[in-house]
Amino acid sequence: MSKLKKILTKDGSVSLRSLFFQENFHSLEGALKETESKFINPSNLKRFKDKSLNVLDICFGLGYNSASLFSNLIGQNSFLNLYALEIDKRPLEYSLESELFQNLWDPKVSKILKSLSQDCKYKDPFFDCHILWGDARERINNIPADIKFDLIYLDGFSPQKCPQIWTVEFLAKVTQRLNNDGYLITYSSSAAIRKTLREFGLYIFNIKPTKISKNSWSNGTIGIKKIDEGSLKRNIFFEKLSLMEEEHLLSKAGIPYRDPNLNLNANEIIQKRVQEQLLSNLKTSKEWREKWGMTK
């Protein structure tokens, strides 16, 4: 496992940086802020008041997404059945040792996280939670086949750094687990990911950024199997893809990551995609950016 460096983000919440991936777990603007704006707010959790919901948290990390989910559901009289997938135990161990992290939540949230860390599960009348440690490509097969998820959070390192969880083959497994009214939510606005999800039959939406600029036009992506037009009109957190985003999908950036037997390493997956891009006659990302006046 790679070395991890502790960092403090601008909203006062703590995060980590992977020195191997050379990537932070969260934006420096704020770990808590990112969780709320990119995952929790678009989830529209109030629709599950007095109901049950199934959630799959892929790449659990420090636990921010699940912790915020628990926090929002406490007192809402919702029953949560959660499965989390994570390969590295150290980020959660760090969270449990961090006073700054613990002070963000109701004591019950900390109790659930501690139980997940120690026993890989937690259960009470309102929460039934499990964490499966190991390669997500394998461990997803250990989730009972009859469970379909209302929310799937996909929050691993970026496709360019950790393509194993962004491939056509893995996303096929993930989308098969989404129920008809479910949301698949990710911070990524990658054309390759969006195009792959669309080809699996999902309607793709852009999570609106809080501040819009030429180089900051998205907070992520939501994929939905079945559209409720009324709900879409009432939501304030996501919108249909713009013409600029649609054209992004038609460039070389939209060529997917592939891992036919779900066993390739990151470099093998990236090289396979690079070769496919070299053979393609599609517009380059540079040409797309130049057309829309963006700088990288």
Protein backbone atom coordinates (compact mmCIF):
# COMPACT_ATOMS: atom_id res chain seq x y z
CA MET A 1 0.00 0.00 0.00
CA SER A 2 1.18 3.53 -0.75
CA LYS A 3 2.11 6.17 1.80
CA LEU A 4 -0.66 8.50 2.93
CA LYS A 5 -0.14 12.12 3.98
CA LYS A 6 -2.57 13.94 6.27
CA ILE A 7 -3.97 17.23 4.95
CA LEU A 8 -6.33 19.91 6.31
CA THR A 9 -8.84 21.30 3.80
CA LYS A 10 -10.17 24.86 3.65
CA ASP A 11 -13.50 24.08 5.36
CA GLY A 12 -11.61 22.72 8.39
CA SER A 13 -12.22 19.05 7.63
CA VAL A 14 -9.35 16.58 7.35
CA SER A 15 -8.38 14.40 4.42
CA LEU A 16 -5.45 12.38 3.08
CA ARG A 17 -3.16 12.44 0.06
CA SER A 18 -1.94 9.26 -1.64
CA LEU A 19 1.73 9.72 -2.47
CA PHE A 20 1.53 6.75 -4.83
CA PHE A 21 -1.33 8.18 -6.91
CA GLN A 22 -0.17 11.78 -6.31
CA GLU A 23 -3.81 12.62 -5.70
CA ASN A 24 -5.84 13.84 -2.72
CA PHE A 25 -8.85 11.94 -1.42
CA HIS A 26 -10.79 15.22 -1.53
CA SER A 27 -10.64 18.72 -2.95
CA LEU A 28 -8.58 21.19 -0.92
CA GLU A 29 -11.72 23.37 -0.81
CA GLY A 30 -13.14 20.96 1.74
CA ALA A 31 -13.60 17.23 2.31
CA LEU A 32 -16.97 17.70 4.02
CA LYS A 33 -18.04 20.33 1.50
CA GLU A 34 -17.22 17.98 -1.39
CA THR A 35 -19.16 15.11 0.16
CA GLU A 36 -22.24 17.29 0.60
CA SER A 37 -22.17 18.99 -2.80
CA LYS A 38 -21.19 16.01 -4.94
CA PHE A 39 -22.92 13.09 -3.21
CA ILE A 40 -25.37 13.92 -0.42
CA ASN A 41 -27.27 16.88 -1.87
CA PRO A 42 -27.89 15.21 -5.28
CA SER A 43 -29.11 12.07 -3.46
CA ASN A 44 -32.25 13.91 -2.28
CA LEU A 45 -32.42 11.81 0.89
CA LYS A 46 -35.74 13.31 2.03
CA ARG A 47 -37.48 11.09 -0.51
CA PHE A 48 -36.58 8.13 1.73
CA LYS A 49 -38.22 9.54 4.87
CA ASP A 50 -40.10 6.72 6.64
CA LYS A 51 -38.85 4.32 3.95
CA SER A 52 -36.00 1.87 3.47
CA LEU A 53 -33.08 2.36 1.08
CA ASN A 54 -30.16 0.29 -0.18
CA VAL A 55 -26.83 2.07 -0.73
CA LEU A 56 -23.56 0.87 -2.27
CA ASP A 57 -20.51 2.99 -1.40
CA ILE A 58 -17.64 2.06 -3.74
CA CYS A 59 -14.21 3.20 -2.52
CA PHE A 60 -15.26 3.99 1.06
CA GLY A 61 -11.95 5.73 1.87
CA LEU A 62 -12.08 7.84 5.04
CA GLY A 63 -15.83 7.26 5.23
CA TYR A 64 -17.08 10.79 4.54
CA ASN A 65 -19.84 9.79 2.11
CA SER A 66 -21.25 7.06 4.34
CA ALA A 67 -20.80 9.10 7.54
CA SER A 68 -22.69 12.03 6.03
CA LEU A 69 -25.35 9.60 4.79
CA PHE A 70 -25.76 8.15 8.31
CA SER A 71 -25.88 11.66 9.79
CA ASN A 72 -28.63 12.79 7.43
CA LEU A 73 -30.73 9.65 7.96
CA ILE A 74 -30.62 9.75 11.77
CA GLY A 75 -33.97 11.09 12.91
CA GLN A 76 -35.53 10.62 9.48
CA ASN A 77 -37.01 7.22 10.40
CA SER A 78 -35.38 5.60 7.37
CA PHE A 79 -34.00 2.07 7.33
CA LEU A 80 -30.60 1.87 5.64
CA ASN A 81 -29.05 -1.27 4.18
CA LEU A 82 -25.50 -0.32 3.18
CA TYR A 83 -22.64 -2.18 1.52
CA ALA A 84 -19.23 -0.53 1.21
CA LEU A 85 -16.25 -1.67 -0.86
CA GLU A 86 -12.69 -0.63 0.03
CA ILE A 87 -9.21 -2.07 -0.53
CA ASP A 88 -7.26 -0.10 2.11
CA LYS A 89 -8.16 -0.15 5.82
CA ARG A 90 -5.85 2.73 6.78
CA PRO A 91 -8.05 5.71 5.76
CA LEU A 92 -10.93 4.57 8.00
CA GLU A 93 -8.47 3.87 10.82
CA TYR A 94 -7.18 7.43 10.42
CA SER A 95 -10.74 8.83 10.57
CA LEU A 96 -11.43 6.98 13.80
CA GLU A 97 -8.26 8.43 15.34
CA SER A 98 -8.98 11.99 14.15
CA GLU A 99 -10.75 14.30 16.61
CA LEU A 100 -11.51 16.75 13.80
CA PHE A 101 -13.30 14.00 11.84
CA GLN A 102 -15.15 12.61 14.86
CA ASN A 103 -16.39 16.06 15.93
CA LEU A 104 -18.29 16.42 12.66
CA TRP A 105 -20.81 13.72 13.52
CA ASP A 106 -23.41 12.46 15.94
CA PRO A 107 -21.87 9.86 18.32
CA LYS A 108 -23.96 7.19 16.60
CA VAL A 109 -22.10 7.81 13.33
CA SER A 110 -18.79 7.18 15.07
CA LYS A 111 -20.24 4.03 16.64
CA ILE A 112 -21.22 2.67 13.21
CA LEU A 113 -17.82 3.48 11.68
CA LYS A 114 -15.97 1.88 14.59
CA SER A 115 -18.05 -1.29 14.24
CA LEU A 116 -17.39 -1.41 10.50
CA SER A 117 -13.66 -1.07 11.13
CA GLN A 118 -13.54 -3.74 13.83
CA ASP A 119 -16.26 -6.20 12.81
CA CYS A 120 -16.94 -5.32 9.12
CA LYS A 121 -20.63 -4.82 10.04
CA TYR A 122 -23.09 -2.89 12.18
CA LYS A 123 -26.75 -3.54 12.88
CA ASP A 124 -29.56 -1.88 14.84
CA PRO A 125 -33.28 -1.25 14.13
CA PHE A 126 -32.47 1.43 11.51
CA PHE A 127 -29.03 0.54 10.12
CA ASP A 128 -27.72 -2.68 8.62
CA CYS A 129 -24.22 -1.92 7.30
CA HIS A 130 -21.41 -4.05 5.87
CA ILE A 131 -17.94 -3.29 4.56
CA LEU A 132 -16.14 -5.72 2.24
CA TRP A 133 -12.36 -5.31 2.21
CA GLY A 134 -10.39 -6.07 -0.96
CA ASP A 135 -10.40 -5.42 -4.72
CA ALA A 136 -13.82 -3.98 -5.60
CA ARG A 137 -13.78 -5.89 -8.89
CA GLU A 138 -13.90 -9.13 -6.90
CA ARG A 139 -15.73 -8.12 -3.73
CA ILE A 140 -18.78 -6.76 -5.54
CA ASN A 141 -19.57 -10.42 -6.31
CA ASN A 142 -19.97 -11.07 -2.57
CA ILE A 143 -22.97 -8.78 -2.26
CA PRO A 144 -26.20 -10.83 -2.32
CA ALA A 145 -27.36 -11.01 -5.94
CA ASP A 146 -30.97 -10.05 -5.14
CA ILE A 147 -30.05 -6.62 -3.70
CA LYS A 148 -30.64 -3.64 -5.99
CA PHE A 149 -29.42 -0.25 -4.86
CA ASP A 150 -31.27 3.07 -4.61
CA LEU A 151 -27.98 4.95 -4.43
CA ILE A 152 -24.55 3.94 -5.68
CA TYR A 153 -21.64 6.22 -4.79
CA LEU A 154 -18.56 5.78 -7.00
CA ASP A 155 -15.72 7.71 -5.38
CA GLY A 156 -12.34 6.18 -6.21
CA PHE A 157 -9.21 7.92 -7.41
CA SER A 158 -9.53 9.46 -10.89
CA PRO A 159 -9.79 7.25 -13.99
CA GLN A 160 -6.33 8.35 -15.13
CA LYS A 161 -4.81 7.19 -11.83
CA CYS A 162 -6.94 4.18 -10.88
CA PRO A 163 -8.80 2.98 -14.02
CA GLN A 164 -9.64 -0.44 -12.52
CA ILE A 165 -12.98 0.80 -11.14
CA TRP A 166 -13.90 2.85 -14.21
CA THR A 167 -13.79 0.19 -16.91
CA VAL A 168 -16.64 -0.96 -19.14
CA GLU A 169 -16.58 -4.36 -17.47
CA PHE A 170 -16.68 -3.13 -13.87
CA LEU A 171 -19.28 -0.45 -14.59
CA ALA A 172 -21.43 -3.16 -16.20
CA LYS A 173 -21.45 -4.98 -12.85
CA VAL A 174 -22.20 -1.75 -11.01
CA THR A 175 -25.09 -0.61 -13.22
CA GLN A 176 -26.67 -4.06 -13.02
CA ARG A 177 -26.97 -3.44 -9.27
CA LEU A 178 -28.91 -0.18 -9.69
CA ASN A 179 -32.67 -0.37 -9.22
CA ASN A 180 -35.02 1.27 -11.71
CA ASP A 181 -35.44 4.45 -9.66
CA GLY A 182 -31.87 4.48 -8.37
CA TYR A 183 -29.13 7.08 -8.80
CA LEU A 184 -25.51 6.25 -9.60
CA ILE A 185 -23.51 9.26 -8.40
CA THR A 186 -19.85 10.09 -8.98
CA TYR A 187 -17.69 13.20 -8.75
CA SER A 188 -16.19 12.32 -12.16
CA SER A 189 -17.26 14.20 -15.30
CA SER A 190 -14.99 12.05 -17.49
CA ALA A 191 -16.37 11.64 -21.02
CA ALA A 192 -15.28 7.98 -21.00
CA ILE A 193 -17.30 7.29 -17.84
CA ARG A 194 -20.36 9.22 -18.95
CA LYS A 195 -20.41 7.57 -22.36
CA THR A 196 -20.00 4.10 -20.83
CA LEU A 197 -22.88 4.67 -18.40
CA ARG A 198 -25.08 5.98 -21.21
CA GLU A 199 -24.35 2.92 -23.32
CA PHE A 200 -25.58 0.80 -20.41
CA GLY A 201 -28.94 2.54 -20.72
CA LEU A 202 -28.62 5.22 -18.06
CA TYR A 203 -29.81 8.77 -18.54
CA ILE A 204 -26.82 10.99 -17.78
CA PHE A 205 -26.97 14.30 -15.90
CA ASN A 206 -24.42 16.88 -14.83
CA ILE A 207 -24.17 17.79 -11.13
CA LYS A 208 -24.27 21.59 -11.09
CA PRO A 209 -21.15 23.28 -9.71
CA THR A 210 -21.56 26.00 -7.08
CA LYS A 211 -19.36 28.32 -9.13
CA ILE A 212 -19.41 28.03 -12.93
CA SER A 213 -16.41 28.95 -15.07
CA LYS A 214 -14.87 27.78 -18.34
CA ASN A 215 -12.81 25.19 -16.48
CA SER A 216 -15.25 24.42 -13.67
CA TRP A 217 -18.52 23.39 -15.27
CA SER A 218 -19.32 20.23 -13.36
CA ASN A 219 -19.43 18.75 -9.85
CA GLY A 220 -19.84 15.26 -11.25
CA THR A 221 -22.28 12.89 -12.90
CA ILE A 222 -25.57 11.17 -12.08
CA GLY A 223 -26.79 8.15 -14.00
CA ILE A 224 -30.48 7.21 -13.71
CA LYS A 225 -32.24 4.20 -15.24
CA LYS A 226 -35.79 5.56 -15.21
CA ILE A 227 -36.69 9.24 -15.44
CA ASP A 228 -39.42 10.83 -13.35
CA GLU A 229 -39.90 14.12 -15.22
CA GLY A 230 -41.68 15.72 -12.26
CA SER A 231 -38.82 14.98 -9.89
CA LEU A 232 -36.29 16.22 -12.43
CA LYS A 233 -38.07 19.55 -12.79
CA ARG A 234 -38.13 20.03 -9.02
CA ASN A 235 -34.47 19.14 -8.42
CA ILE A 236 -31.91 21.94 -8.11
CA PHE A 237 -28.72 19.91 -8.06
CA PHE A 238 -28.39 18.36 -11.52
CA GLU A 239 -29.24 19.14 -15.12
CA LYS A 240 -29.10 17.66 -18.62
CA LEU A 241 -25.72 17.70 -20.35
CA SER A 242 -24.93 20.86 -22.28
CA LEU A 243 -23.95 20.82 -25.96
CA MET A 244 -20.35 21.28 -24.86
CA GLU A 245 -20.56 18.17 -22.66
CA GLU A 246 -22.31 16.15 -25.37
CA GLU A 247 -19.51 16.98 -27.80
CA HIS A 248 -17.00 15.88 -25.16
CA LEU A 249 -18.49 12.37 -25.34
CA LEU A 250 -17.89 12.31 -29.10
CA SER A 251 -14.18 13.10 -28.80
CA LYS A 252 -11.32 10.68 -28.12
CA ALA A 253 -11.92 11.41 -24.43
CA GLY A 254 -15.10 9.33 -24.72
CA ILE A 255 -13.18 6.15 -25.59
CA PRO A 256 -13.70 3.84 -22.61
CA TYR A 257 -11.35 2.01 -20.27
CA ARG A 258 -11.39 -1.76 -20.81
CA ASP A 259 -10.50 -4.69 -18.54
CA PRO A 260 -11.97 -7.80 -20.24
CA ASN A 261 -11.31 -10.26 -17.41
CA LEU A 262 -11.33 -7.73 -14.57
CA ASN A 263 -7.74 -8.51 -13.64
CA LEU A 264 -5.51 -5.98 -15.45
CA ASN A 265 -3.37 -3.48 -13.55
CA ALA A 266 -3.69 0.28 -13.99
CA ASN A 267 -0.90 0.62 -16.55
CA GLU A 268 -2.26 -2.21 -18.71
CA ILE A 269 -5.73 -0.65 -18.78
CA ILE A 270 -4.38 2.81 -19.60
CA GLN A 271 -2.11 1.51 -22.37
CA LYS A 272 -4.98 -0.43 -23.92
CA ARG A 273 -7.03 2.77 -24.05
CA VAL A 274 -4.14 4.86 -25.43
CA GLN A 275 -3.76 2.39 -28.30
CA GLU A 276 -7.48 2.59 -29.06
CA GLN A 277 -7.31 6.39 -29.02
CA LEU A 278 -4.32 6.43 -31.40
CA LEU A 279 -6.28 4.36 -33.91
CA SER A 280 -9.35 6.59 -33.64
CA ASN A 281 -10.32 9.38 -36.07
CA LEU A 282 -12.38 11.23 -33.44
CA LYS A 283 -11.55 14.78 -32.35
CA THR A 284 -8.88 15.09 -29.68
CA SER A 285 -9.58 16.55 -26.24
CA LYS A 286 -7.33 19.46 -27.18
CA GLU A 287 -9.48 20.28 -30.21
CA TRP A 288 -12.62 20.06 -28.07
CA ARG A 289 -11.15 22.37 -25.44
CA GLU A 290 -9.99 24.89 -28.04
CA LYS A 291 -13.45 24.99 -29.62
CA TRP A 292 -15.07 25.79 -26.27
CA GLY A 293 -12.38 28.25 -25.15
CA MET A 294 -11.01 26.17 -22.29
CA THR A 295 -7.48 25.89 -21.00
CA LYS A 296 -6.35 22.73 -19.30
